[in-house]
Every structure is written in structure tokens, then in C-alpha cells.
Amino acid sequence: QNEFATLIREPHNQYDSNAVRVDNLAGQQVGHIKRTCAAALAPLLDDASPWAPRIEAVVSGAMSHYNVSVTVNVWGPPELFSATAAHLKVFGLAL
């Protein structure tokens, strides 16, 4: 709990092409981001441009075999705030 995590895109996941795996800092998989949130985060994680928003994840709640609670912070240039916020809003998420 309250441990930094790494978000790993899994574009070839057989169940969801937007899949985002959550690994702890030891490299062990602790879960996946929910499908609806993964659809919003996948394009941000896939953007390798130097000005793209960056994602920071912290395992923030109880974990079980099927669920992991993750707090996600999005960092990026202020001039991209509006576009990033609009993108996330389409998926019901807010900055």
C-alpha cells in the first residue's frame, strides 16, 4: 500500500488491446487498470513524444487477487492541460 508502481502497456493482450498492467517496483505484476480507465490512459502511455503527458502510479488501497487500487497522477506541460483534461473527460475521468 502507498507503493509506487509501474504501468506497462499490453497492446497485444488477448482480452483488451488497451490493457495496462500494474507492476510493483520489484517487477511483480499486481494487477491491471480497469478496462474503462485503460482506454483513457493507453494513448497517453503510448505517446513517446518528449512533450507527452507522463503517468505516475501509486498502489493506494487494498489489493486482492482480482483488484488493485491505484492512484494515477498525470504530469505534463501546462499548455497541454486542456487537451489532456478533455481527453480524460470523454472517459469520465478528471484531472
N, C-alpha and C. Protein backbone atom coordinates (compact mmCIF):
# COMPACT_ATOMS: atom_id res chain seq x y z
N GLN A 1 0.84 -1.19 0.00
CA GLN A 1 0.00 0.00 0.00
C GLN A 1 0.89 1.25 0.00
N ASN A 2 0.45 2.28 -0.73
CA ASN A 2 1.21 3.52 -0.90
C ASN A 2 2.61 3.25 -1.45
N GLU A 3 2.69 2.33 -2.39
CA GLU A 3 3.93 1.96 -3.04
C GLU A 3 3.87 2.41 -4.50
N PHE A 4 4.94 3.04 -4.98
CA PHE A 4 4.98 3.41 -6.39
C PHE A 4 4.85 2.16 -7.24
N ALA A 5 4.25 2.33 -8.40
CA ALA A 5 4.05 1.22 -9.32
C ALA A 5 4.40 1.66 -10.73
N THR A 6 4.64 0.69 -11.57
CA THR A 6 4.93 0.94 -12.97
C THR A 6 3.73 0.49 -13.79
N LEU A 7 3.31 1.33 -14.73
CA LEU A 7 2.23 0.98 -15.63
C LEU A 7 2.83 0.50 -16.95
N ILE A 8 2.48 -0.70 -17.35
CA ILE A 8 3.03 -1.33 -18.54
C ILE A 8 1.91 -1.55 -19.54
N ARG A 9 2.05 -0.97 -20.72
CA ARG A 9 1.05 -1.19 -21.76
C ARG A 9 1.16 -2.62 -22.29
N GLU A 10 0.02 -3.22 -22.57
CA GLU A 10 -0.05 -4.55 -23.16
C GLU A 10 -0.94 -4.49 -24.41
N PRO A 11 -0.46 -3.86 -25.48
CA PRO A 11 -1.30 -3.69 -26.67
C PRO A 11 -1.68 -5.01 -27.34
N HIS A 12 -0.95 -6.09 -27.04
CA HIS A 12 -1.26 -7.38 -27.64
C HIS A 12 -2.02 -8.30 -26.69
N ASN A 13 -2.54 -7.74 -25.59
CA ASN A 13 -3.34 -8.51 -24.63
C ASN A 13 -4.54 -9.09 -25.36
N GLN A 14 -4.78 -10.38 -25.20
CA GLN A 14 -5.85 -11.05 -25.94
C GLN A 14 -7.25 -10.61 -25.51
N TYR A 15 -7.38 -10.00 -24.35
CA TYR A 15 -8.68 -9.60 -23.85
C TYR A 15 -8.98 -8.11 -24.07
N ASP A 16 -7.94 -7.30 -24.17
CA ASP A 16 -8.14 -5.85 -24.28
C ASP A 16 -6.89 -5.21 -24.89
N SER A 17 -7.03 -4.65 -26.08
CA SER A 17 -5.86 -4.04 -26.75
C SER A 17 -5.40 -2.76 -26.05
N ASN A 18 -6.22 -2.22 -25.13
CA ASN A 18 -5.83 -1.05 -24.33
C ASN A 18 -5.29 -1.44 -22.96
N ALA A 19 -5.07 -2.71 -22.72
CA ALA A 19 -4.70 -3.19 -21.38
C ALA A 19 -3.47 -2.47 -20.83
N VAL A 20 -3.55 -2.19 -19.53
CA VAL A 20 -2.43 -1.55 -18.81
C VAL A 20 -2.19 -2.38 -17.54
N ARG A 21 -1.03 -3.03 -17.50
CA ARG A 21 -0.66 -3.87 -16.36
C ARG A 21 -0.02 -2.99 -15.28
N VAL A 22 -0.24 -3.36 -14.03
CA VAL A 22 0.36 -2.67 -12.90
C VAL A 22 1.40 -3.60 -12.28
N ASP A 23 2.65 -3.13 -12.26
CA ASP A 23 3.75 -3.88 -11.63
C ASP A 23 4.26 -3.09 -10.44
N ASN A 24 4.65 -3.81 -9.38
CA ASN A 24 5.31 -3.11 -8.26
C ASN A 24 6.75 -2.84 -8.66
N LEU A 25 7.49 -2.15 -7.82
CA LEU A 25 8.86 -1.77 -8.17
C LEU A 25 9.82 -2.95 -8.22
N ALA A 26 9.39 -4.10 -7.70
CA ALA A 26 10.19 -5.31 -7.81
C ALA A 26 9.94 -6.01 -9.14
N GLY A 27 9.05 -5.43 -9.96
CA GLY A 27 8.75 -6.01 -11.26
C GLY A 27 7.69 -7.09 -11.24
N GLN A 28 7.02 -7.26 -10.11
CA GLN A 28 5.97 -8.27 -10.00
C GLN A 28 4.63 -7.66 -10.38
N GLN A 29 3.88 -8.38 -11.20
CA GLN A 29 2.56 -7.90 -11.58
C GLN A 29 1.63 -7.96 -10.38
N VAL A 30 0.94 -6.83 -10.14
CA VAL A 30 -0.02 -6.79 -9.03
C VAL A 30 -1.45 -6.60 -9.52
N GLY A 31 -1.62 -6.41 -10.83
CA GLY A 31 -2.97 -6.28 -11.37
C GLY A 31 -2.98 -5.56 -12.70
N HIS A 32 -4.19 -5.15 -13.09
CA HIS A 32 -4.40 -4.37 -14.31
C HIS A 32 -5.29 -3.18 -13.98
N ILE A 33 -5.14 -2.11 -14.75
CA ILE A 33 -6.04 -0.97 -14.67
C ILE A 33 -7.38 -1.41 -15.25
N LYS A 34 -8.49 -0.95 -14.65
CA LYS A 34 -9.81 -1.30 -15.18
C LYS A 34 -9.91 -0.91 -16.64
N ARG A 35 -10.66 -1.69 -17.40
CA ARG A 35 -10.79 -1.52 -18.84
C ARG A 35 -11.16 -0.09 -19.24
N THR A 36 -12.11 0.52 -18.54
CA THR A 36 -12.55 1.87 -18.91
C THR A 36 -11.45 2.89 -18.69
N CYS A 37 -10.69 2.75 -17.63
CA CYS A 37 -9.57 3.66 -17.37
C CYS A 37 -8.41 3.37 -18.31
N ALA A 38 -8.19 2.12 -18.61
CA ALA A 38 -7.10 1.75 -19.53
C ALA A 38 -7.33 2.36 -20.90
N ALA A 39 -8.57 2.42 -21.35
CA ALA A 39 -8.87 3.03 -22.66
C ALA A 39 -8.47 4.50 -22.68
N ALA A 40 -8.60 5.17 -21.55
CA ALA A 40 -8.22 6.58 -21.46
C ALA A 40 -6.71 6.74 -21.34
N LEU A 41 -6.06 5.87 -20.58
CA LEU A 41 -4.63 6.01 -20.32
C LEU A 41 -3.75 5.47 -21.45
N ALA A 42 -4.24 4.48 -22.20
CA ALA A 42 -3.42 3.84 -23.23
C ALA A 42 -2.81 4.83 -24.22
N PRO A 43 -3.59 5.76 -24.79
CA PRO A 43 -2.97 6.70 -25.75
C PRO A 43 -1.91 7.60 -25.09
N LEU A 44 -2.11 7.94 -23.83
CA LEU A 44 -1.13 8.77 -23.13
C LEU A 44 0.16 7.99 -22.90
N LEU A 45 0.01 6.72 -22.52
CA LEU A 45 1.19 5.88 -22.28
C LEU A 45 1.91 5.55 -23.59
N ASP A 46 1.16 5.46 -24.68
CA ASP A 46 1.75 5.12 -25.98
C ASP A 46 2.49 6.29 -26.62
N ASP A 47 2.19 7.50 -26.19
CA ASP A 47 2.79 8.69 -26.80
C ASP A 47 4.22 8.85 -26.31
N ALA A 48 5.18 8.61 -27.19
CA ALA A 48 6.60 8.67 -26.82
C ALA A 48 7.22 10.05 -27.06
N SER A 49 6.41 10.99 -27.50
CA SER A 49 6.97 12.32 -27.78
C SER A 49 7.46 12.97 -26.48
N PRO A 50 8.46 13.83 -26.58
CA PRO A 50 9.03 14.43 -25.37
C PRO A 50 8.07 15.36 -24.62
N TRP A 51 7.04 15.86 -25.27
CA TRP A 51 6.09 16.77 -24.63
C TRP A 51 4.81 16.06 -24.18
N ALA A 52 4.76 14.75 -24.34
CA ALA A 52 3.57 13.99 -23.96
C ALA A 52 3.41 13.96 -22.44
N PRO A 53 2.16 13.90 -21.96
CA PRO A 53 1.94 13.74 -20.52
C PRO A 53 2.60 12.45 -20.02
N ARG A 54 3.06 12.48 -18.81
CA ARG A 54 3.66 11.30 -18.17
C ARG A 54 2.77 10.86 -17.02
N ILE A 55 2.76 9.57 -16.79
CA ILE A 55 1.86 8.96 -15.81
C ILE A 55 2.68 8.43 -14.64
N GLU A 56 2.24 8.73 -13.43
CA GLU A 56 2.84 8.21 -12.20
C GLU A 56 1.74 7.45 -11.47
N ALA A 57 2.05 6.25 -11.01
CA ALA A 57 1.05 5.43 -10.33
C ALA A 57 1.52 5.03 -8.94
N VAL A 58 0.58 5.00 -8.02
CA VAL A 58 0.84 4.57 -6.64
C VAL A 58 -0.25 3.58 -6.25
N VAL A 59 0.14 2.40 -5.79
CA VAL A 59 -0.83 1.45 -5.25
C VAL A 59 -1.34 2.07 -3.97
N SER A 60 -2.63 2.42 -3.96
CA SER A 60 -3.15 3.27 -2.89
C SER A 60 -4.18 2.61 -1.99
N GLY A 61 -4.51 1.38 -2.26
CA GLY A 61 -5.53 0.75 -1.43
C GLY A 61 -5.30 -0.74 -1.31
N ALA A 62 -6.29 -1.39 -0.79
CA ALA A 62 -6.20 -2.83 -0.57
C ALA A 62 -6.08 -3.57 -1.90
N MET A 63 -5.32 -4.65 -1.87
CA MET A 63 -5.16 -5.49 -3.04
C MET A 63 -5.77 -6.84 -2.74
N SER A 64 -6.35 -7.42 -3.79
CA SER A 64 -6.82 -8.80 -3.71
C SER A 64 -6.36 -9.48 -4.99
N HIS A 65 -6.74 -10.71 -5.15
CA HIS A 65 -6.35 -11.46 -6.35
C HIS A 65 -6.92 -10.80 -7.61
N TYR A 66 -8.05 -10.13 -7.49
CA TYR A 66 -8.72 -9.57 -8.67
C TYR A 66 -8.70 -8.05 -8.75
N ASN A 67 -8.41 -7.37 -7.67
CA ASN A 67 -8.47 -5.91 -7.67
C ASN A 67 -7.24 -5.29 -7.02
N VAL A 68 -6.83 -4.18 -7.60
CA VAL A 68 -5.76 -3.37 -7.01
C VAL A 68 -6.20 -1.92 -7.18
N SER A 69 -6.12 -1.17 -6.11
CA SER A 69 -6.50 0.24 -6.14
C SER A 69 -5.25 1.07 -6.42
N VAL A 70 -5.31 1.87 -7.49
CA VAL A 70 -4.15 2.65 -7.91
C VAL A 70 -4.56 4.11 -8.05
N THR A 71 -3.75 5.00 -7.51
CA THR A 71 -3.91 6.42 -7.74
C THR A 71 -2.97 6.79 -8.88
N VAL A 72 -3.51 7.48 -9.88
CA VAL A 72 -2.73 7.85 -11.05
C VAL A 72 -2.59 9.36 -11.10
N ASN A 73 -1.37 9.84 -11.25
CA ASN A 73 -1.10 11.27 -11.43
C ASN A 73 -0.59 11.47 -12.84
N VAL A 74 -1.08 12.52 -13.49
CA VAL A 74 -0.67 12.84 -14.85
C VAL A 74 0.14 14.13 -14.79
N TRP A 75 1.34 14.09 -15.37
CA TRP A 75 2.24 15.24 -15.38
C TRP A 75 2.50 15.63 -16.83
N GLY A 76 2.56 16.94 -17.08
CA GLY A 76 2.86 17.37 -18.43
C GLY A 76 2.95 18.88 -18.51
N PRO A 77 3.28 19.38 -19.70
CA PRO A 77 3.38 20.82 -19.89
C PRO A 77 2.04 21.51 -19.67
N PRO A 78 2.03 22.66 -19.03
CA PRO A 78 0.77 23.37 -18.75
C PRO A 78 -0.04 23.64 -20.01
N GLU A 79 0.62 23.87 -21.14
CA GLU A 79 -0.11 24.18 -22.36
C GLU A 79 -0.90 22.98 -22.91
N LEU A 80 -0.62 21.78 -22.42
CA LEU A 80 -1.36 20.59 -22.83
C LEU A 80 -2.45 20.20 -21.84
N PHE A 81 -2.58 20.96 -20.75
CA PHE A 81 -3.55 20.61 -19.71
C PHE A 81 -4.96 20.48 -20.28
N SER A 82 -5.41 21.48 -21.04
CA SER A 82 -6.79 21.48 -21.56
C SER A 82 -7.06 20.28 -22.45
N ALA A 83 -6.13 19.98 -23.35
CA ALA A 83 -6.32 18.85 -24.26
C ALA A 83 -6.32 17.52 -23.50
N THR A 84 -5.42 17.39 -22.53
CA THR A 84 -5.36 16.15 -21.74
C THR A 84 -6.61 16.00 -20.89
N ALA A 85 -7.05 17.09 -20.26
CA ALA A 85 -8.27 17.05 -19.44
C ALA A 85 -9.48 16.70 -20.30
N ALA A 86 -9.57 17.26 -21.51
CA ALA A 86 -10.70 16.96 -22.41
C ALA A 86 -10.68 15.49 -22.81
N HIS A 87 -9.50 14.96 -23.10
CA HIS A 87 -9.38 13.54 -23.46
C HIS A 87 -9.87 12.65 -22.32
N LEU A 88 -9.42 12.91 -21.11
CA LEU A 88 -9.81 12.09 -19.96
C LEU A 88 -11.30 12.24 -19.65
N LYS A 89 -11.85 13.43 -19.86
CA LYS A 89 -13.27 13.67 -19.57
C LYS A 89 -14.17 12.79 -20.43
N VAL A 90 -13.74 12.51 -21.67
CA VAL A 90 -14.51 11.62 -22.55
C VAL A 90 -14.74 10.27 -21.89
N PHE A 91 -13.81 9.86 -21.05
CA PHE A 91 -13.88 8.56 -20.38
C PHE A 91 -14.41 8.68 -18.95
N GLY A 92 -14.89 9.86 -18.58
CA GLY A 92 -15.44 10.04 -17.25
C GLY A 92 -14.39 10.27 -16.19
N LEU A 93 -13.18 10.65 -16.59
CA LEU A 93 -12.10 10.89 -15.63
C LEU A 93 -11.79 12.37 -15.59
N ALA A 94 -11.23 12.83 -14.49
CA ALA A 94 -10.90 14.25 -14.34
C ALA A 94 -9.50 14.39 -13.77
N LEU A 95 -8.86 15.50 -14.13
CA LEU A 95 -7.56 15.82 -13.55
C LEU A 95 -7.77 16.59 -12.28
